[in-house]
Amino acid sequence: MTARWRVSGPVVTLLLALLIHVVGMLLIKGFGTTFGVRAMLVLAALLAIASIGQTLVILLGGIDLSIPFVIGFANVAAAQLYGQGVPFAVVLPGVILAAMLVGAFNGALSSILAIHPLIVTLGTGTTLQGAVQLWTKGFPTGGAPAWVQKFVSIGGTIGPVPVPWLIPFTGVLALGVVLLLSRTVYGRRLYALGSNPRAARLALVDPVRMWTVTFALSAGFAALAGILLLGFSGSAYAAVGAPYLFQTIAAVVIGGTALVGGRGGYLGTLAGALCLIELTTVLVGLGLQPPLVQATLGVLIVALVAVYGRESHVRELI
């Protein structure tokens, strides 16, 4: 695949999202209403935040299957602690920090012991979910403060602008991630390690440190998504992150990031999240049952992987 295609990947994905939106407006009554657009933007923003870490991890050459479990942990832990009277100003950083420690463990263990992160993250994720179930006995309580609910509410506004604060917040996060990847030593080392681990080591890039930091960031952003989902739904639910196992990987792939690492970026993931939410909304609006929706999305992922798999970098590493 040419360099020109890689650069235009996010643009192509955005055009695909626009095409899907036009099709939805033609086929589904009320699809293009202000409320409908706001709802899709909110859902896409939540997915985009949850997908930040998956983007970083895949660029590194790994994969993080603990994301849905960390989302559920953060969702329940924040609700429980706030419901027990702990100030939310303490709950928010505390839960994110606890999640980052789990992520750091995932990255360090995968790198030091050379265990595939798929196994490590799935194991720690299910352990974390079990611990949450034991803590709450299967019945989590509590909720989020009103300002968090307003922050993510579909009906929220910023003065005369008819979108909630979540939308510009996601934009600021996206800008920060893009700058992190393009303008910092961490970003250069991430791409170097994902592209050619052996050459990166010869260039004195510490793989253990990079894997530890990257997986910690992944868990931190997953926890943030879990807390925002608490405000979105109004109540805690340990399995709230289950859909994000597939969706975060799908958003990254649709955005053009190579699953073998070293190629892609977060702008593509952001466009991929929007495209995925648009497509899911259209399929549901057309009356397709959930299994058929999943199958259709799966076909799309396979097609895109086939396209990106033509890149020489991917062919050489598989």
Protein backbone atom coordinates (compact mmCIF):
# COMPACT_ATOMS: atom_id res chain seq x y z
CA MET A 1 0.00 0.00 0.00
CA THR A 2 1.37 3.41 -0.90
CA ALA A 3 2.29 6.19 1.51
CA ARG A 4 -0.39 8.32 -0.11
CA TRP A 5 -3.08 5.84 0.97
CA ARG A 6 -1.78 5.75 4.55
CA VAL A 7 -1.91 9.53 4.81
CA SER A 8 -5.42 9.72 3.40
CA GLY A 9 -6.74 6.83 5.50
CA PRO A 10 -8.63 8.97 8.07
CA VAL A 11 -10.08 11.09 5.26
CA VAL A 12 -11.28 7.99 3.43
CA THR A 13 -12.88 6.70 6.64
CA LEU A 14 -14.61 10.05 7.25
CA LEU A 15 -15.94 10.00 3.69
CA LEU A 16 -17.23 6.51 4.32
CA ALA A 17 -18.98 7.74 7.48
CA LEU A 18 -20.52 10.59 5.48
CA LEU A 19 -21.72 8.15 2.82
CA ILE A 20 -23.28 5.91 5.49
CA HIS A 21 -25.00 8.96 6.99
CA VAL A 22 -26.49 9.93 3.63
CA VAL A 23 -27.73 6.38 3.10
CA GLY A 24 -29.25 6.41 6.57
CA MET A 25 -31.09 9.67 5.88
CA LEU A 26 -32.48 8.22 2.65
CA LEU A 27 -33.59 4.91 4.14
CA ILE A 28 -34.54 5.68 7.74
CA LYS A 29 -37.08 8.28 8.77
CA GLY A 30 -35.74 10.72 11.35
CA PHE A 31 -32.15 9.48 10.99
CA GLY A 32 -30.75 12.94 10.32
CA THR A 33 -32.57 14.80 13.09
CA THR A 34 -30.61 16.99 15.48
CA PHE A 35 -31.24 14.59 18.34
CA GLY A 36 -30.16 11.61 16.24
CA VAL A 37 -26.92 13.28 15.19
CA ARG A 38 -26.17 14.31 18.78
CA ALA A 39 -26.82 10.78 19.99
CA MET A 40 -24.41 9.34 17.42
CA LEU A 41 -21.77 11.94 18.28
CA VAL A 42 -22.00 11.09 21.98
CA LEU A 43 -21.76 7.35 21.33
CA ALA A 44 -18.86 7.88 18.92
CA ALA A 45 -17.07 10.08 21.48
CA LEU A 46 -17.39 7.42 24.19
CA LEU A 47 -16.05 4.79 21.80
CA ALA A 48 -13.25 7.10 20.65
CA ILE A 49 -12.09 7.65 24.25
CA ALA A 50 -12.21 3.92 24.99
CA SER A 51 -10.21 3.31 21.79
CA ILE A 52 -7.31 5.63 22.62
CA GLY A 53 -5.50 2.94 24.56
CA GLN A 54 -6.24 0.24 22.02
CA THR A 55 -4.70 2.48 19.34
CA LEU A 56 -1.51 2.95 21.35
CA VAL A 57 -1.23 -0.74 22.19
CA ILE A 58 -1.80 -1.88 18.59
CA LEU A 59 0.72 0.66 17.31
CA LEU A 60 3.15 -0.95 19.75
CA GLY A 61 2.41 -4.36 18.24
CA GLY A 62 0.16 -5.70 20.99
CA ILE A 63 -3.53 -5.93 21.76
CA ASP A 64 -5.49 -5.17 24.94
CA LEU A 65 -8.43 -7.47 25.69
CA SER A 66 -8.78 -6.14 29.23
CA ILE A 67 -10.37 -2.88 28.06
CA PRO A 68 -14.03 -3.98 28.52
CA PHE A 69 -13.26 -5.39 31.96
CA VAL A 70 -11.44 -2.22 33.04
CA ILE A 71 -14.40 -0.17 31.79
CA GLY A 72 -16.74 -2.29 33.92
CA PHE A 73 -14.43 -2.05 36.94
CA ALA A 74 -14.19 1.74 36.72
CA ASN A 75 -17.94 2.06 36.16
CA VAL A 76 -18.80 0.02 39.27
CA ALA A 77 -15.95 1.24 41.48
CA ALA A 78 -16.73 4.91 40.84
CA ALA A 79 -20.42 4.37 41.57
CA GLN A 80 -19.77 2.35 44.71
CA LEU A 81 -17.23 4.75 46.17
CA TYR A 82 -19.25 7.86 45.37
CA GLY A 83 -22.36 6.20 46.80
CA GLN A 84 -20.45 5.54 50.02
CA GLY A 85 -19.69 9.23 50.42
CA VAL A 86 -16.20 9.49 48.93
CA PRO A 87 -15.84 12.86 47.16
CA PHE A 88 -15.89 12.45 43.39
CA ALA A 89 -12.74 14.60 43.18
CA VAL A 90 -11.02 11.70 44.94
CA VAL A 91 -12.94 8.93 43.18
CA LEU A 92 -12.07 10.05 39.64
CA PRO A 93 -8.25 10.08 39.89
CA GLY A 94 -8.24 7.16 42.34
CA VAL A 95 -10.14 4.80 40.05
CA ILE A 96 -8.10 5.84 37.00
CA LEU A 97 -4.84 5.33 38.91
CA ALA A 98 -5.95 1.88 40.12
CA ALA A 99 -6.81 0.93 36.53
CA MET A 100 -3.43 2.19 35.30
CA LEU A 101 -1.67 -0.06 37.81
CA VAL A 102 -3.51 -3.03 36.34
CA GLY A 103 -2.52 -1.91 32.85
CA ALA A 104 1.11 -1.43 33.89
CA PHE A 105 1.11 -4.98 35.24
CA ASN A 106 -0.24 -6.24 31.91
CA GLY A 107 2.44 -4.48 29.90
CA ALA A 108 5.34 -5.37 32.19
CA LEU A 109 4.36 -9.04 32.43
CA SER A 110 3.86 -9.35 28.67
CA SER A 111 7.23 -7.77 27.92
CA ILE A 112 9.39 -9.31 30.65
CA LEU A 113 8.09 -12.87 30.26
CA ALA A 114 7.50 -12.59 26.49
CA ILE A 115 3.89 -13.72 26.90
CA HIS A 116 1.44 -12.61 24.22
CA PRO A 117 -0.60 -9.69 25.61
CA LEU A 118 -3.80 -11.33 24.35
CA ILE A 119 -3.36 -14.02 27.03
CA VAL A 120 -2.19 -11.67 29.79
CA THR A 121 -4.86 -9.01 29.29
CA LEU A 122 -7.67 -11.55 28.99
CA GLY A 123 -6.52 -13.23 32.19
CA THR A 124 -6.18 -10.05 34.23
CA GLY A 125 -9.41 -8.70 32.79
CA THR A 126 -11.49 -11.68 33.82
CA THR A 127 -9.81 -11.66 37.25
CA LEU A 128 -10.69 -8.00 37.65
CA GLN A 129 -14.30 -8.66 36.68
CA GLY A 130 -14.51 -11.48 39.20
CA ALA A 131 -13.11 -9.24 41.92
CA VAL A 132 -15.73 -6.60 41.13
CA GLN A 133 -18.50 -9.19 41.32
CA LEU A 134 -17.22 -10.41 44.70
CA TRP A 135 -17.01 -6.85 45.99
CA THR A 136 -20.54 -5.90 44.98
CA LYS A 137 -22.05 -9.41 45.31
CA GLY A 138 -23.45 -8.89 41.82
CA PHE A 139 -25.53 -5.85 42.81
CA PRO A 140 -23.55 -2.61 42.39
CA THR A 141 -25.02 0.53 43.90
CA GLY A 142 -24.42 4.25 43.65
CA GLY A 143 -24.21 6.53 40.66
CA ALA A 144 -22.49 9.59 39.25
CA PRO A 145 -22.83 13.22 40.34
CA ALA A 146 -25.23 15.38 38.37
CA TRP A 147 -22.46 17.32 36.63
CA VAL A 148 -21.00 14.12 35.17
CA GLN A 149 -24.43 13.11 33.86
CA LYS A 150 -24.86 16.55 32.30
CA PHE A 151 -21.35 16.35 30.86
CA VAL A 152 -22.27 13.32 28.73
CA SER A 153 -26.01 13.81 28.31
CA ILE A 154 -27.32 13.66 24.75
CA GLY A 155 -29.57 16.58 25.63
CA GLY A 156 -26.72 18.63 27.10
CA THR A 157 -25.71 21.95 25.57
CA ILE A 158 -22.81 24.38 25.73
CA GLY A 159 -24.67 27.67 25.78
CA PRO A 160 -26.29 28.01 22.35
CA VAL A 161 -24.29 25.08 20.93
CA PRO A 162 -26.52 21.95 20.96
CA VAL A 163 -23.89 19.41 22.02
CA PRO A 164 -22.73 18.27 25.48
CA TRP A 165 -19.30 19.08 26.88
CA LEU A 166 -18.22 15.52 26.06
CA ILE A 167 -17.83 16.45 22.38
CA PRO A 168 -15.24 19.27 22.73
CA PHE A 169 -13.58 17.30 25.54
CA THR A 170 -13.08 14.41 23.12
CA GLY A 171 -11.68 16.86 20.58
CA VAL A 172 -9.13 18.14 23.09
CA LEU A 173 -8.18 14.58 24.02
CA ALA A 174 -7.77 13.71 20.35
CA LEU A 175 -5.49 16.70 19.80
CA GLY A 176 -3.43 15.66 22.83
CA VAL A 177 -3.06 12.08 21.58
CA VAL A 178 -2.10 13.23 18.07
CA LEU A 179 0.57 15.53 19.52
CA LEU A 180 1.76 12.75 21.83
CA LEU A 181 2.28 10.45 18.87
CA SER A 182 3.76 12.99 16.47
CA ARG A 183 5.75 15.43 18.61
CA THR A 184 7.15 13.52 21.59
CA VAL A 185 9.95 11.05 22.26
CA TYR A 186 7.34 8.57 23.48
CA GLY A 187 5.53 8.69 20.14
CA ARG A 188 8.70 8.17 18.12
CA ARG A 189 9.71 5.25 20.30
CA LEU A 190 6.23 3.73 20.07
CA TYR A 191 6.30 3.72 16.26
CA ALA A 192 9.89 2.49 16.24
CA LEU A 193 9.16 -0.43 18.54
CA GLY A 194 5.98 -1.32 16.66
CA SER A 195 7.68 -1.15 13.25
CA ASN A 196 10.87 -3.04 14.06
CA PRO A 197 11.37 -4.23 17.66
CA ARG A 198 14.94 -5.45 17.02
CA ALA A 199 16.10 -2.17 15.49
CA ALA A 200 14.37 -0.23 18.27
CA ARG A 201 16.28 -2.18 20.91
CA LEU A 202 19.54 -1.47 19.09
CA ALA A 203 18.55 2.22 19.23
CA LEU A 204 18.31 1.82 23.04
CA VAL A 205 14.50 1.90 23.24
CA ASP A 206 13.56 0.07 26.45
CA PRO A 207 10.74 -2.33 25.48
CA VAL A 208 9.73 -3.11 29.07
CA ARG A 209 9.28 0.56 29.91
CA MET A 210 7.38 1.24 26.69
CA TRP A 211 5.03 -1.72 27.14
CA THR A 212 4.44 -0.84 30.79
CA VAL A 213 3.65 2.81 30.08
CA THR A 214 1.53 2.06 27.00
CA PHE A 215 -0.67 -0.54 28.67
CA ALA A 216 -1.01 1.73 31.72
CA LEU A 217 -2.28 4.50 29.43
CA SER A 218 -4.66 2.04 27.77
CA ALA A 219 -6.19 1.07 31.09
CA GLY A 220 -6.37 4.70 32.21
CA PHE A 221 -8.37 5.78 29.18
CA ALA A 222 -10.58 2.69 29.50
CA ALA A 223 -11.30 3.67 33.11
CA LEU A 224 -12.15 7.20 32.01
CA ALA A 225 -14.60 5.77 29.47
CA GLY A 226 -16.14 3.61 32.19
CA ILE A 227 -16.71 6.61 34.44
CA LEU A 228 -18.21 8.62 31.58
CA LEU A 229 -20.51 5.68 30.80
CA LEU A 230 -21.64 5.81 34.42
CA GLY A 231 -22.78 9.36 33.85
CA PHE A 232 -24.35 8.40 30.53
CA SER A 233 -26.44 5.53 31.92
CA GLY A 234 -26.98 6.90 35.43
CA SER A 235 -26.32 3.55 37.13
CA ALA A 236 -23.48 1.07 37.51
CA TYR A 237 -23.25 -2.15 35.50
CA ALA A 238 -20.22 -4.46 35.61
CA ALA A 239 -20.72 -5.67 32.01
CA VAL A 240 -21.17 -2.18 30.55
CA GLY A 241 -17.84 -2.50 28.73
CA ALA A 242 -18.64 -5.79 26.97
CA PRO A 243 -19.46 -4.22 23.56
CA TYR A 244 -16.17 -2.34 23.60
CA LEU A 245 -14.07 -5.49 23.22
CA PHE A 246 -15.05 -5.72 19.56
CA GLN A 247 -15.72 -2.05 18.96
CA THR A 248 -12.35 -0.66 20.07
CA ILE A 249 -10.46 -3.08 17.85
CA ALA A 250 -12.89 -2.42 15.00
CA ALA A 251 -12.49 1.36 15.29
CA VAL A 252 -8.70 1.02 15.15
CA VAL A 253 -8.80 -1.29 12.12
CA ILE A 254 -11.42 0.74 10.25
CA GLY A 255 -9.24 3.78 10.84
CA GLY A 256 -6.37 2.13 9.00
CA THR A 257 -3.98 1.17 11.80
CA ALA A 258 -2.09 -2.04 11.02
CA LEU A 259 -2.72 -4.82 13.53
CA VAL A 260 0.96 -5.79 13.45
CA GLY A 261 1.98 -2.36 14.75
CA GLY A 262 3.98 0.61 13.62
CA ARG A 263 1.49 2.02 11.09
CA GLY A 264 -1.52 4.26 11.64
CA GLY A 265 -2.61 6.87 14.15
CA TYR A 266 -5.38 8.13 16.36
CA LEU A 267 -7.06 10.37 13.77
CA GLY A 268 -7.91 7.22 11.87
CA THR A 269 -9.34 5.64 15.03
CA LEU A 270 -11.44 8.73 15.68
CA ALA A 271 -12.87 8.52 12.17
CA GLY A 272 -13.27 4.77 12.58
CA ALA A 273 -15.31 5.22 15.77
CA LEU A 274 -17.67 7.62 14.00
CA CYS A 275 -17.95 5.31 11.00
CA LEU A 276 -18.68 2.30 13.22
CA ILE A 277 -21.40 4.08 15.19
CA GLU A 278 -22.98 5.41 11.98
CA LEU A 279 -23.02 1.96 10.40
CA THR A 280 -24.36 0.25 13.54
CA THR A 281 -27.14 2.85 13.83
CA VAL A 282 -28.13 2.37 10.19
CA LEU A 283 -28.21 -1.42 10.49
CA VAL A 284 -30.27 -1.29 13.67
CA GLY A 285 -32.56 1.31 12.09
CA LEU A 286 -33.15 -1.02 9.16
CA GLY A 287 -34.42 -3.64 11.59
CA LEU A 288 -31.51 -6.08 11.51
CA GLN A 289 -31.20 -8.35 14.52
CA PRO A 290 -28.06 -7.98 16.70
CA PRO A 291 -26.41 -11.19 15.38
CA LEU A 292 -26.84 -10.00 11.80
CA VAL A 293 -25.48 -6.55 12.74
CA GLN A 294 -22.38 -8.21 14.23
CA ALA A 295 -21.96 -10.40 11.15
CA THR A 296 -22.19 -7.38 8.84
CA LEU A 297 -19.63 -5.46 10.87
CA GLY A 298 -17.39 -8.53 10.85
CA VAL A 299 -17.49 -8.68 7.06
CA LEU A 300 -16.49 -5.01 6.95
CA ILE A 301 -13.53 -5.64 9.25
CA VAL A 302 -12.35 -8.62 7.18
CA ALA A 303 -12.59 -6.53 4.00
CA LEU A 304 -10.59 -3.68 5.50
CA VAL A 305 -7.95 -5.99 6.95
CA ALA A 306 -7.62 -7.55 3.49
CA VAL A 307 -7.03 -4.08 2.02
CA TYR A 308 -4.53 -2.97 4.66
CA GLY A 309 -2.90 -6.39 4.59
CA ARG A 310 -1.66 -5.64 1.09
CA GLU A 311 0.84 -3.20 2.61
CA SER A 312 4.35 -4.62 2.34
CA HIS A 313 5.04 -3.94 6.02
CA VAL A 314 2.15 -6.21 7.01
CA ARG A 315 2.96 -8.97 4.54
CA GLU A 316 6.57 -9.15 5.69
CA LEU A 317 5.70 -9.50 9.35
CA ILE A 318 2.91 -12.08 9.10
